[in-house]
Amino acid sequence: MSEESNVTQADVLPEEESVKKGDVVTVRRHPDRNKKYSLLSGSTLKIIAIVTMFIDHVGAAILENYLSYLMDNGAAATRALVESRHPGAWAEWMGNFDRLYSIDRVLRATGRIAFPIFCFLLVEGFFYTKNVYKYGLRLLIFAVISDIPFDLAFFTEIGLNHQNVFLTLFFGLAAMFLMDRIKIKFAEKKVLSVILQILAAFACMVVAQLMHTDYGAIGVFAIVLLYIYRSKPIPQCIAGGVFFFLYEVYAAIAFIPIFMYNGKKGLKMKYFFYAFYPVHLFLLFLIRYWMIGF
């Protein structure tokens, strides 16, 4: 059965933006999923991704900067720094590099779950959004809004050497859009269509890598991979799980909740992640600056 069909009922499309009753829209039919395990809505997946991302960023933005200072300057100097800002706040465990490093590894491993889920939700969003241009524009706008908080949280200085994950998602969306248009335009020329789709995806990967986006070409490739297997949930989870296992072992765990996705939108929280991302990064920067002054 084709994934596309013209319909006139908005209630069959749980897309990102509302469609009025009677509108004629292009619907991407949702792939069949195992109903026995389909327990999680899109909003539940998003919450899982947001929570694990936050845990990851506590380690990356706060603990790793502290560990870097501790490693470079030693426990005595670190203790002097902490007590100069917060008299009486020093505890001996704060000078134990190995213990803190172990905590950081747990935080970062937990956070590996987030990105694959966001990639999956982006693919679903592409298939269900009413207006892909507005979708892409939102990603670009929040990439700009998040640029300074991203730099401050992870690199302690503002610059153009690193770009946040919104730009990675944008290039992933661009790759899917180009591949989709090529697939439609060259439907009768299968070989040419495949070649052009590969070139389009590769171009988006190269640009993402050159712009030093978060996850870079790897991130865009992951999105394209999930897009290719989107109509087959089990192969999609296997392909995504194997890929992320090879790239970041703990990231493969994300495909357990992804497999349990039920195709439903869930709670209305479209803009929650958009706002949460720059806000939580800036707050983590402020907390770190309050703690150790940089």
C-alpha atoms as a PDB file:
ATOM      1  CA  MET A   1       0.000   0.000   0.000  1.00  0.00           C
ATOM      2  CA  SER A   2       1.317   3.460  -0.840  1.00  0.00           C
ATOM      3  CA  GLU A   3       2.240   5.664   2.092  1.00  0.00           C
ATOM      4  CA  GLU A   4       0.524   8.661   0.485  1.00  0.00           C
ATOM      5  CA  SER A   5      -3.141   9.313  -0.230  1.00  0.00           C
ATOM      6  CA  ASN A   6      -5.336  12.366  -0.482  1.00  0.00           C
ATOM      7  CA  VAL A   7      -8.017  12.567   2.203  1.00  0.00           C
ATOM      8  CA  THR A   8     -10.485  15.124   3.447  1.00  0.00           C
ATOM      9  CA  GLN A   9     -10.624  14.253   7.123  1.00  0.00           C
ATOM     10  CA  ALA A  10      -8.229  15.960   9.485  1.00  0.00           C
ATOM     11  CA  ASP A  11      -8.810  13.519  12.308  1.00  0.00           C
ATOM     12  CA  VAL A  12      -6.771  10.773  10.616  1.00  0.00           C
ATOM     13  CA  LEU A  13      -3.604  12.821  10.707  1.00  0.00           C
ATOM     14  CA  PRO A  14      -1.914  13.325  14.120  1.00  0.00           C
ATOM     15  CA  GLU A  15       0.510  15.761  12.579  1.00  0.00           C
ATOM     16  CA  GLU A  16       2.505  18.483  14.239  1.00  0.00           C
ATOM     17  CA  GLU A  17       0.222  21.290  13.077  1.00  0.00           C
ATOM     18  CA  SER A  18      -3.559  21.218  13.041  1.00  0.00           C
ATOM     19  CA  VAL A  19      -5.505  20.670   9.841  1.00  0.00           C
ATOM     20  CA  LYS A  20      -9.021  22.001   9.573  1.00  0.00           C
ATOM     21  CA  LYS A  21     -11.904  19.651   8.849  1.00  0.00           C
ATOM     22  CA  GLY A  22     -12.401  19.355   5.131  1.00  0.00           C
ATOM     23  CA  ASP A  23      -8.815  20.233   4.172  1.00  0.00           C
ATOM     24  CA  VAL A  24      -7.244  18.118   1.456  1.00  0.00           C
ATOM     25  CA  VAL A  25      -3.846  17.042   2.726  1.00  0.00           C
ATOM     26  CA  THR A  26      -1.233  14.494   1.876  1.00  0.00           C
ATOM     27  CA  VAL A  27      -1.169  11.834   4.540  1.00  0.00           C
ATOM     28  CA  ARG A  28       1.722   9.511   5.217  1.00  0.00           C
ATOM     29  CA  ARG A  29       0.131   6.332   6.465  1.00  0.00           C
ATOM     30  CA  HIS A  30       1.531   5.136   9.733  1.00  0.00           C
ATOM     31  CA  PRO A  31       3.371   1.802   9.529  1.00  0.00           C
ATOM     32  CA  ASP A  32       1.811  -1.159  11.300  1.00  0.00           C
ATOM     33  CA  ARG A  33       3.210  -1.654  14.785  1.00  0.00           C
ATOM     34  CA  ASN A  34       2.975  -4.499  17.250  1.00  0.00           C
ATOM     35  CA  LYS A  35       0.006  -3.385  19.349  1.00  0.00           C
ATOM     36  CA  LYS A  36       1.067  -5.606  22.251  1.00  0.00           C
ATOM     37  CA  TYR A  37       4.160  -3.469  22.839  1.00  0.00           C
ATOM     38  CA  SER A  38       2.916  -0.118  21.509  1.00  0.00           C
ATOM     39  CA  LEU A  39       2.563   1.669  24.819  1.00  0.00           C
ATOM     40  CA  LEU A  40       4.350   5.011  24.438  1.00  0.00           C
ATOM     41  CA  SER A  41       3.072   8.143  22.717  1.00  0.00           C
ATOM     42  CA  GLY A  42       5.243  10.680  20.947  1.00  0.00           C
ATOM     43  CA  SER A  43       5.082  13.033  23.929  1.00  0.00           C
ATOM     44  CA  THR A  44       6.212  10.252  26.279  1.00  0.00           C
ATOM     45  CA  LEU A  45       9.203   9.570  24.051  1.00  0.00           C
ATOM     46  CA  LYS A  46       9.956  13.279  24.014  1.00  0.00           C
ATOM     47  CA  ILE A  47       9.867  13.424  27.822  1.00  0.00           C
ATOM     48  CA  ILE A  48      12.248  10.456  28.045  1.00  0.00           C
ATOM     49  CA  ALA A  49      14.601  12.194  25.631  1.00  0.00           C
ATOM     50  CA  ILE A  50      14.424  15.516  27.474  1.00  0.00           C
ATOM     51  CA  VAL A  51      15.089  13.961  30.891  1.00  0.00           C
ATOM     52  CA  THR A  52      18.027  11.868  29.683  1.00  0.00           C
ATOM     53  CA  MET A  53      19.410  14.842  27.749  1.00  0.00           C
ATOM     54  CA  PHE A  54      19.280  16.971  30.895  1.00  0.00           C
ATOM     55  CA  ILE A  55      21.119  14.294  32.879  1.00  0.00           C
ATOM     56  CA  ASP A  56      23.747  14.136  30.148  1.00  0.00           C
ATOM     57  CA  HIS A  57      24.214  17.890  30.102  1.00  0.00           C
ATOM     58  CA  VAL A  58      24.666  18.098  33.874  1.00  0.00           C
ATOM     59  CA  GLY A  59      27.732  15.949  33.349  1.00  0.00           C
ATOM     60  CA  ALA A  60      28.938  17.697  30.201  1.00  0.00           C
ATOM     61  CA  ALA A  61      28.324  21.302  31.245  1.00  0.00           C
ATOM     62  CA  ILE A  62      29.077  21.202  34.974  1.00  0.00           C
ATOM     63  CA  LEU A  63      30.916  18.113  36.123  1.00  0.00           C
ATOM     64  CA  GLU A  64      33.342  17.802  33.217  1.00  0.00           C
ATOM     65  CA  ASN A  65      34.405  21.438  33.455  1.00  0.00           C
ATOM     66  CA  TYR A  66      34.995  20.936  37.171  1.00  0.00           C
ATOM     67  CA  LEU A  67      36.946  17.724  36.486  1.00  0.00           C
ATOM     68  CA  SER A  68      39.049  19.511  33.896  1.00  0.00           C
ATOM     69  CA  TYR A  69      40.012  22.174  36.432  1.00  0.00           C
ATOM     70  CA  LEU A  70      40.674  19.533  39.085  1.00  0.00           C
ATOM     71  CA  MET A  71      42.900  17.534  36.738  1.00  0.00           C
ATOM     72  CA  ASP A  72      44.866  20.580  35.576  1.00  0.00           C
ATOM     73  CA  ASN A  73      45.298  22.293  38.941  1.00  0.00           C
ATOM     74  CA  GLY A  74      45.064  19.576  41.592  1.00  0.00           C
ATOM     75  CA  ALA A  75      42.851  19.132  44.652  1.00  0.00           C
ATOM     76  CA  ALA A  76      44.482  21.896  46.737  1.00  0.00           C
ATOM     77  CA  ALA A  77      43.971  24.603  44.110  1.00  0.00           C
ATOM     78  CA  THR A  78      40.441  23.379  43.365  1.00  0.00           C
ATOM     79  CA  ARG A  79      39.598  23.469  47.047  1.00  0.00           C
ATOM     80  CA  ALA A  80      40.934  27.027  47.273  1.00  0.00           C
ATOM     81  CA  LEU A  81      38.785  28.021  44.272  1.00  0.00           C
ATOM     82  CA  VAL A  82      35.611  26.506  45.725  1.00  0.00           C
ATOM     83  CA  GLU A  83      36.131  27.951  49.203  1.00  0.00           C
ATOM     84  CA  SER A  84      36.952  31.385  47.804  1.00  0.00           C
ATOM     85  CA  ARG A  85      33.487  31.450  46.292  1.00  0.00           C
ATOM     86  CA  HIS A  86      31.570  29.384  48.860  1.00  0.00           C
ATOM     87  CA  PRO A  87      33.339  29.245  52.246  1.00  0.00           C
ATOM     88  CA  GLY A  88      32.765  25.930  54.008  1.00  0.00           C
ATOM     89  CA  ALA A  89      31.323  24.250  50.899  1.00  0.00           C
ATOM     90  CA  TRP A  90      34.306  21.985  50.226  1.00  0.00           C
ATOM     91  CA  ALA A  91      33.934  18.280  50.878  1.00  0.00           C
ATOM     92  CA  GLU A  92      36.762  15.793  50.530  1.00  0.00           C
ATOM     93  CA  TRP A  93      34.958  13.799  47.858  1.00  0.00           C
ATOM     94  CA  MET A  94      35.100  16.908  45.668  1.00  0.00           C
ATOM     95  CA  GLY A  95      38.823  16.305  45.309  1.00  0.00           C
ATOM     96  CA  ASN A  96      38.454  12.625  44.401  1.00  0.00           C
ATOM     97  CA  PHE A  97      38.889  12.648  40.641  1.00  0.00           C
ATOM     98  CA  ASP A  98      38.187   8.950  40.124  1.00  0.00           C
ATOM     99  CA  ARG A  99      34.906   9.040  42.032  1.00  0.00           C
ATOM    100  CA  LEU A 100      33.671  12.136  40.233  1.00  0.00           C
ATOM    101  CA  TYR A 101      34.758  10.727  36.899  1.00  0.00           C
ATOM    102  CA  SER A 102      32.740   7.565  37.559  1.00  0.00           C
ATOM    103  CA  ILE A 103      29.665   9.677  38.322  1.00  0.00           C
ATOM    104  CA  ASP A 104      30.224  11.616  35.116  1.00  0.00           C
ATOM    105  CA  ARG A 105      30.411   8.392  33.094  1.00  0.00           C
ATOM    106  CA  VAL A 106      27.030   7.312  34.466  1.00  0.00           C
ATOM    107  CA  LEU A 107      25.484  10.685  33.614  1.00  0.00           C
ATOM    108  CA  ARG A 108      26.886  10.700  30.091  1.00  0.00           C
ATOM    109  CA  ALA A 109      25.932   7.065  29.439  1.00  0.00           C
ATOM    110  CA  THR A 110      22.357   7.841  30.487  1.00  0.00           C
ATOM    111  CA  GLY A 111      22.324  10.807  28.154  1.00  0.00           C
ATOM    112  CA  ARG A 112      23.215   8.678  25.126  1.00  0.00           C
ATOM    113  CA  ILE A 113      19.565   7.638  24.998  1.00  0.00           C
ATOM    114  CA  ALA A 114      18.339  11.121  24.068  1.00  0.00           C
ATOM    115  CA  PHE A 115      19.697  11.778  20.572  1.00  0.00           C
ATOM    116  CA  PRO A 116      18.361   8.625  18.841  1.00  0.00           C
ATOM    117  CA  ILE A 117      14.886   9.429  20.188  1.00  0.00           C
ATOM    118  CA  PHE A 118      15.069  12.985  18.884  1.00  0.00           C
ATOM    119  CA  CYS A 119      16.184  11.624  15.498  1.00  0.00           C
ATOM    120  CA  PHE A 120      13.225   9.237  15.467  1.00  0.00           C
ATOM    121  CA  LEU A 121      10.767  11.978  16.444  1.00  0.00           C
ATOM    122  CA  LEU A 122      12.174  14.221  13.712  1.00  0.00           C
ATOM    123  CA  VAL A 123      11.476  11.508  11.140  1.00  0.00           C
ATOM    124  CA  GLU A 124       7.932  11.115  12.452  1.00  0.00           C
ATOM    125  CA  GLY A 125       7.516  14.883  12.440  1.00  0.00           C
ATOM    126  CA  PHE A 126       8.620  15.047   8.813  1.00  0.00           C
ATOM    127  CA  PHE A 127       6.000  12.499   7.782  1.00  0.00           C
ATOM    128  CA  TYR A 128       3.199  14.186   9.703  1.00  0.00           C
ATOM    129  CA  THR A 129       3.905  17.909   9.568  1.00  0.00           C
ATOM    130  CA  LYS A 130       1.478  20.025   7.584  1.00  0.00           C
ATOM    131  CA  ASN A 131       4.204  22.421   6.450  1.00  0.00           C
ATOM    132  CA  VAL A 132       7.780  21.167   6.237  1.00  0.00           C
ATOM    133  CA  TYR A 133       9.027  24.678   5.464  1.00  0.00           C
ATOM    134  CA  LYS A 134       7.704  26.026   8.759  1.00  0.00           C
ATOM    135  CA  TYR A 135       9.119  22.984  10.516  1.00  0.00           C
ATOM    136  CA  GLY A 136      12.570  23.721   9.105  1.00  0.00           C
ATOM    137  CA  LEU A 137      12.262  27.422   9.894  1.00  0.00           C
ATOM    138  CA  ARG A 138      11.494  26.643  13.549  1.00  0.00           C
ATOM    139  CA  LEU A 139      14.592  24.479  13.766  1.00  0.00           C
ATOM    140  CA  LEU A 140      16.717  27.266  12.292  1.00  0.00           C
ATOM    141  CA  ILE A 141      15.240  29.928  14.576  1.00  0.00           C
ATOM    142  CA  PHE A 142      15.906  27.890  17.697  1.00  0.00           C
ATOM    143  CA  ALA A 143      19.363  26.960  16.423  1.00  0.00           C
ATOM    144  CA  VAL A 144      20.144  30.683  16.469  1.00  0.00           C
ATOM    145  CA  ILE A 145      18.466  31.213  19.862  1.00  0.00           C
ATOM    146  CA  SER A 146      20.383  28.264  21.344  1.00  0.00           C
ATOM    147  CA  ASP A 147      23.785  29.209  19.924  1.00  0.00           C
ATOM    148  CA  ILE A 148      25.039  31.338  22.819  1.00  0.00           C
ATOM    149  CA  PRO A 149      23.651  29.109  25.625  1.00  0.00           C
ATOM    150  CA  PHE A 150      25.198  26.079  23.850  1.00  0.00           C
ATOM    151  CA  ASP A 151      28.626  27.707  23.659  1.00  0.00           C
ATOM    152  CA  LEU A 152      28.523  28.955  27.235  1.00  0.00           C
ATOM    153  CA  ALA A 153      27.389  25.615  28.629  1.00  0.00           C
ATOM    154  CA  PHE A 154      29.900  23.375  26.886  1.00  0.00           C
ATOM    155  CA  PHE A 155      32.800  25.518  25.705  1.00  0.00           C
ATOM    156  CA  THR A 156      32.841  28.427  28.242  1.00  0.00           C
ATOM    157  CA  GLU A 157      33.204  30.923  25.405  1.00  0.00           C
ATOM    158  CA  ILE A 158      31.121  32.166  22.495  1.00  0.00           C
ATOM    159  CA  GLY A 159      32.241  31.314  18.968  1.00  0.00           C
ATOM    160  CA  LEU A 160      31.388  29.651  15.672  1.00  0.00           C
ATOM    161  CA  ASN A 161      33.516  26.547  16.144  1.00  0.00           C
ATOM    162  CA  HIS A 162      30.588  24.430  17.344  1.00  0.00           C
ATOM    163  CA  GLN A 163      26.887  24.418  16.436  1.00  0.00           C
ATOM    164  CA  ASN A 164      24.033  23.021  18.507  1.00  0.00           C
ATOM    165  CA  VAL A 165      21.823  20.022  17.806  1.00  0.00           C
ATOM    166  CA  PHE A 166      18.998  22.065  16.268  1.00  0.00           C
ATOM    167  CA  LEU A 167      21.204  22.636  13.231  1.00  0.00           C
ATOM    168  CA  THR A 168      21.936  18.914  13.018  1.00  0.00           C
ATOM    169  CA  LEU A 169      18.198  18.222  13.067  1.00  0.00           C
ATOM    170  CA  PHE A 170      17.687  20.880  10.396  1.00  0.00           C
ATOM    171  CA  PHE A 171      20.161  19.215   8.033  1.00  0.00           C
ATOM    172  CA  GLY A 172      18.539  15.865   8.779  1.00  0.00           C
ATOM    173  CA  LEU A 173      15.173  17.358   7.853  1.00  0.00           C
ATOM    174  CA  ALA A 174      16.687  18.875   4.699  1.00  0.00           C
ATOM    175  CA  ALA A 175      18.089  15.483   3.704  1.00  0.00           C
ATOM    176  CA  MET A 176      14.697  13.808   4.117  1.00  0.00           C
ATOM    177  CA  PHE A 177      12.963  16.606   2.209  1.00  0.00           C
ATOM    178  CA  LEU A 178      15.370  16.381  -0.735  1.00  0.00           C
ATOM    179  CA  MET A 179      15.216  12.584  -0.822  1.00  0.00           C
ATOM    180  CA  ASP A 180      11.426  12.690  -0.726  1.00  0.00           C
ATOM    181  CA  ARG A 181      11.197  15.189  -3.582  1.00  0.00           C
ATOM    182  CA  ILE A 182      13.696  13.214  -5.666  1.00  0.00           C
ATOM    183  CA  LYS A 183      11.767   9.998  -5.021  1.00  0.00           C
ATOM    184  CA  ILE A 184       8.575  11.619  -6.330  1.00  0.00           C
ATOM    185  CA  LYS A 185      10.117  13.446  -9.287  1.00  0.00           C
ATOM    186  CA  PHE A 186      12.113  10.476 -10.548  1.00  0.00           C
ATOM    187  CA  ALA A 187       9.611   7.755  -9.673  1.00  0.00           C
ATOM    188  CA  GLU A 188       9.992   6.173 -13.102  1.00  0.00           C
ATOM    189  CA  LYS A 189      13.802   6.209 -13.027  1.00  0.00           C
ATOM    190  CA  LYS A 190      14.657   4.060 -10.030  1.00  0.00           C
ATOM    191  CA  VAL A 191      18.427   3.898 -10.466  1.00  0.00           C
ATOM    192  CA  LEU A 192      18.791   7.637 -11.048  1.00  0.00           C
ATOM    193  CA  SER A 193      16.473   8.304  -8.108  1.00  0.00           C
ATOM    194  CA  VAL A 194      18.614   6.226  -5.748  1.00  0.00           C
ATOM    195  CA  ILE A 195      21.828   7.890  -6.923  1.00  0.00           C
ATOM    196  CA  LEU A 196      20.398  11.391  -6.509  1.00  0.00           C
ATOM    197  CA  GLN A 197      19.003  10.552  -3.057  1.00  0.00           C
ATOM    198  CA  ILE A 198      22.396   9.304  -1.925  1.00  0.00           C
ATOM    199  CA  LEU A 199      24.060  12.461  -3.239  1.00  0.00           C
ATOM    200  CA  ALA A 200      21.486  14.685  -1.521  1.00  0.00           C
ATOM    201  CA  ALA A 201      21.899  12.917   1.823  1.00  0.00           C
ATOM    202  CA  PHE A 202      25.691  12.982   1.492  1.00  0.00           C
ATOM    203  CA  ALA A 203      25.647  16.726   0.732  1.00  0.00           C
ATOM    204  CA  CYS A 204      23.654  17.430   3.910  1.00  0.00           C
ATOM    205  CA  MET A 205      26.050  15.251   5.905  1.00  0.00           C
ATOM    206  CA  VAL A 206      29.072  17.110   4.530  1.00  0.00           C
ATOM    207  CA  VAL A 207      27.607  20.543   5.296  1.00  0.00           C
ATOM    208  CA  ALA A 208      26.710  19.468   8.841  1.00  0.00           C
ATOM    209  CA  GLN A 209      30.248  18.184   9.375  1.00  0.00           C
ATOM    210  CA  LEU A 210      31.864  21.321   7.944  1.00  0.00           C
ATOM    211  CA  MET A 211      29.711  23.498  10.199  1.00  0.00           C
ATOM    212  CA  HIS A 212      30.694  21.401  13.245  1.00  0.00           C
ATOM    213  CA  THR A 213      27.137  20.715  14.296  1.00  0.00           C
ATOM    214  CA  ASP A 214      26.504  18.519  17.319  1.00  0.00           C
ATOM    215  CA  TYR A 215      26.938  14.904  16.068  1.00  0.00           C
ATOM    216  CA  GLY A 216      27.827  16.296  12.629  1.00  0.00           C
ATOM    217  CA  ALA A 217      27.608  13.935   9.655  1.00  0.00           C
ATOM    218  CA  ILE A 218      26.943  10.986  11.955  1.00  0.00           C
ATOM    219  CA  GLY A 219      23.794  12.676  13.251  1.00  0.00           C
ATOM    220  CA  VAL A 220      22.439  13.390   9.768  1.00  0.00           C
ATOM    221  CA  PHE A 221      23.242   9.832   8.663  1.00  0.00           C
ATOM    222  CA  ALA A 222      21.311   8.448  11.658  1.00  0.00           C
ATOM    223  CA  ILE A 223      18.262  10.500  10.673  1.00  0.00           C
ATOM    224  CA  VAL A 224      18.485   9.339   7.058  1.00  0.00           C
ATOM    225  CA  LEU A 225      18.814   5.724   8.204  1.00  0.00           C
ATOM    226  CA  LEU A 226      15.652   5.950  10.313  1.00  0.00           C
ATOM    227  CA  TYR A 227      13.890   7.701   7.426  1.00  0.00           C
ATOM    228  CA  ILE A 228      14.766   4.904   4.992  1.00  0.00           C
ATOM    229  CA  TYR A 229      13.400   2.204   7.326  1.00  0.00           C
ATOM    230  CA  ARG A 230      10.472   4.227   8.608  1.00  0.00           C
ATOM    231  CA  SER A 231       7.774   2.042   7.018  1.00  0.00           C
ATOM    232  CA  LYS A 232       9.150  -1.070   8.749  1.00  0.00           C
ATOM    233  CA  PRO A 233       9.342  -0.489  12.527  1.00  0.00           C
ATOM    234  CA  ILE A 234      11.234  -3.666  13.453  1.00  0.00           C
ATOM    235  CA  PRO A 235      13.965  -3.315  10.770  1.00  0.00           C
ATOM    236  CA  GLN A 236      14.092   0.397  11.648  1.00  0.00           C
ATOM    237  CA  CYS A 237      14.817  -0.393  15.308  1.00  0.00           C
ATOM    238  CA  ILE A 238      17.342  -3.084  14.390  1.00  0.00           C
ATOM    239  CA  ALA A 239      19.171  -0.846  11.907  1.00  0.00           C
ATOM    240  CA  GLY A 240      19.132   2.123  14.276  1.00  0.00           C
ATOM    241  CA  GLY A 241      20.121   0.003  17.264  1.00  0.00           C
ATOM    242  CA  VAL A 242      23.064  -1.609  15.472  1.00  0.00           C
ATOM    243  CA  PHE A 243      24.273   1.712  14.090  1.00  0.00           C
ATOM    244  CA  PHE A 244      24.163   3.503  17.425  1.00  0.00           C
ATOM    245  CA  PHE A 245      25.627   0.489  19.250  1.00  0.00           C
ATOM    246  CA  LEU A 246      28.659   0.738  16.976  1.00  0.00           C
ATOM    247  CA  TYR A 247      28.846   4.505  17.444  1.00  0.00           C
ATOM    248  CA  GLU A 248      27.897   4.907  21.125  1.00  0.00           C
ATOM    249  CA  VAL A 249      27.031   1.652  22.851  1.00  0.00           C
ATOM    250  CA  TYR A 250      24.504   2.985  25.362  1.00  0.00           C
ATOM    251  CA  ALA A 251      22.618   4.915  22.658  1.00  0.00           C
ATOM    252  CA  ALA A 252      21.228   1.606  21.366  1.00  0.00           C
ATOM    253  CA  ILE A 253      19.067   1.407  24.517  1.00  0.00           C
ATOM    254  CA  ALA A 254      16.938   4.202  23.029  1.00  0.00           C
ATOM    255  CA  PHE A 255      15.410   1.743  20.584  1.00  0.00           C
ATOM    256  CA  ILE A 256      13.596  -0.073  23.368  1.00  0.00           C
ATOM    257  CA  PRO A 257      11.195   2.844  24.002  1.00  0.00           C
ATOM    258  CA  ILE A 258      11.217   3.667  20.287  1.00  0.00           C
ATOM    259  CA  PHE A 259       9.988   0.140  19.536  1.00  0.00           C
ATOM    260  CA  MET A 260       7.167   0.761  22.017  1.00  0.00           C
ATOM    261  CA  TYR A 261       5.955   3.872  20.152  1.00  0.00           C
ATOM    262  CA  ASN A 262       2.227   3.675  19.415  1.00  0.00           C
ATOM    263  CA  GLY A 263       2.037   6.296  16.685  1.00  0.00           C
ATOM    264  CA  LYS A 264      -0.036   8.693  18.785  1.00  0.00           C
ATOM    265  CA  LYS A 265       0.873  12.281  19.483  1.00  0.00           C
ATOM    266  CA  GLY A 266       0.083  12.293  23.202  1.00  0.00           C
ATOM    267  CA  LEU A 267       0.330  15.503  25.206  1.00  0.00           C
ATOM    268  CA  LYS A 268       0.508  18.802  23.359  1.00  0.00           C
ATOM    269  CA  MET A 269       4.071  19.931  23.991  1.00  0.00           C
ATOM    270  CA  LYS A 270       5.292  20.985  20.551  1.00  0.00           C
ATOM    271  CA  TYR A 271       7.200  24.007  21.786  1.00  0.00           C
ATOM    272  CA  PHE A 272       8.326  22.581  25.116  1.00  0.00           C
ATOM    273  CA  PHE A 273      11.527  21.039  23.747  1.00  0.00           C
ATOM    274  CA  TYR A 274      12.224  24.081  21.583  1.00  0.00           C
ATOM    275  CA  ALA A 275      12.141  26.302  24.677  1.00  0.00           C
ATOM    276  CA  PHE A 276      13.645  23.794  27.105  1.00  0.00           C
ATOM    277  CA  TYR A 277      16.840  23.308  25.118  1.00  0.00           C
ATOM    278  CA  PRO A 278      18.289  26.866  25.258  1.00  0.00           C
ATOM    279  CA  VAL A 279      16.802  27.600  28.707  1.00  0.00           C
ATOM    280  CA  HIS A 280      18.282  24.555  30.441  1.00  0.00           C
ATOM    281  CA  LEU A 281      21.680  25.121  28.802  1.00  0.00           C
ATOM    282  CA  PHE A 282      21.807  28.702  30.042  1.00  0.00           C
ATOM    283  CA  LEU A 283      20.724  27.630  33.540  1.00  0.00           C
ATOM    284  CA  LEU A 284      23.447  24.975  33.654  1.00  0.00           C
ATOM    285  CA  PHE A 285      25.979  27.616  32.648  1.00  0.00           C
ATOM    286  CA  LEU A 286      24.751  29.910  35.429  1.00  0.00           C
ATOM    287  CA  ILE A 287      24.927  27.085  37.996  1.00  0.00           C
ATOM    288  CA  ARG A 288      28.483  26.217  36.946  1.00  0.00           C
ATOM    289  CA  TYR A 289      29.529  29.869  37.006  1.00  0.00           C
ATOM    290  CA  TRP A 290      28.025  30.248  40.482  1.00  0.00           C
ATOM    291  CA  MET A 291      29.875  27.154  41.649  1.00  0.00           C
ATOM    292  CA  ILE A 292      33.356  27.695  40.203  1.00  0.00           C
ATOM    293  CA  GLY A 293      33.356  31.020  38.392  1.00  0.00           C
ATOM    294  CA  PHE A 294      33.733  29.949  34.751  1.00  0.00           C
END
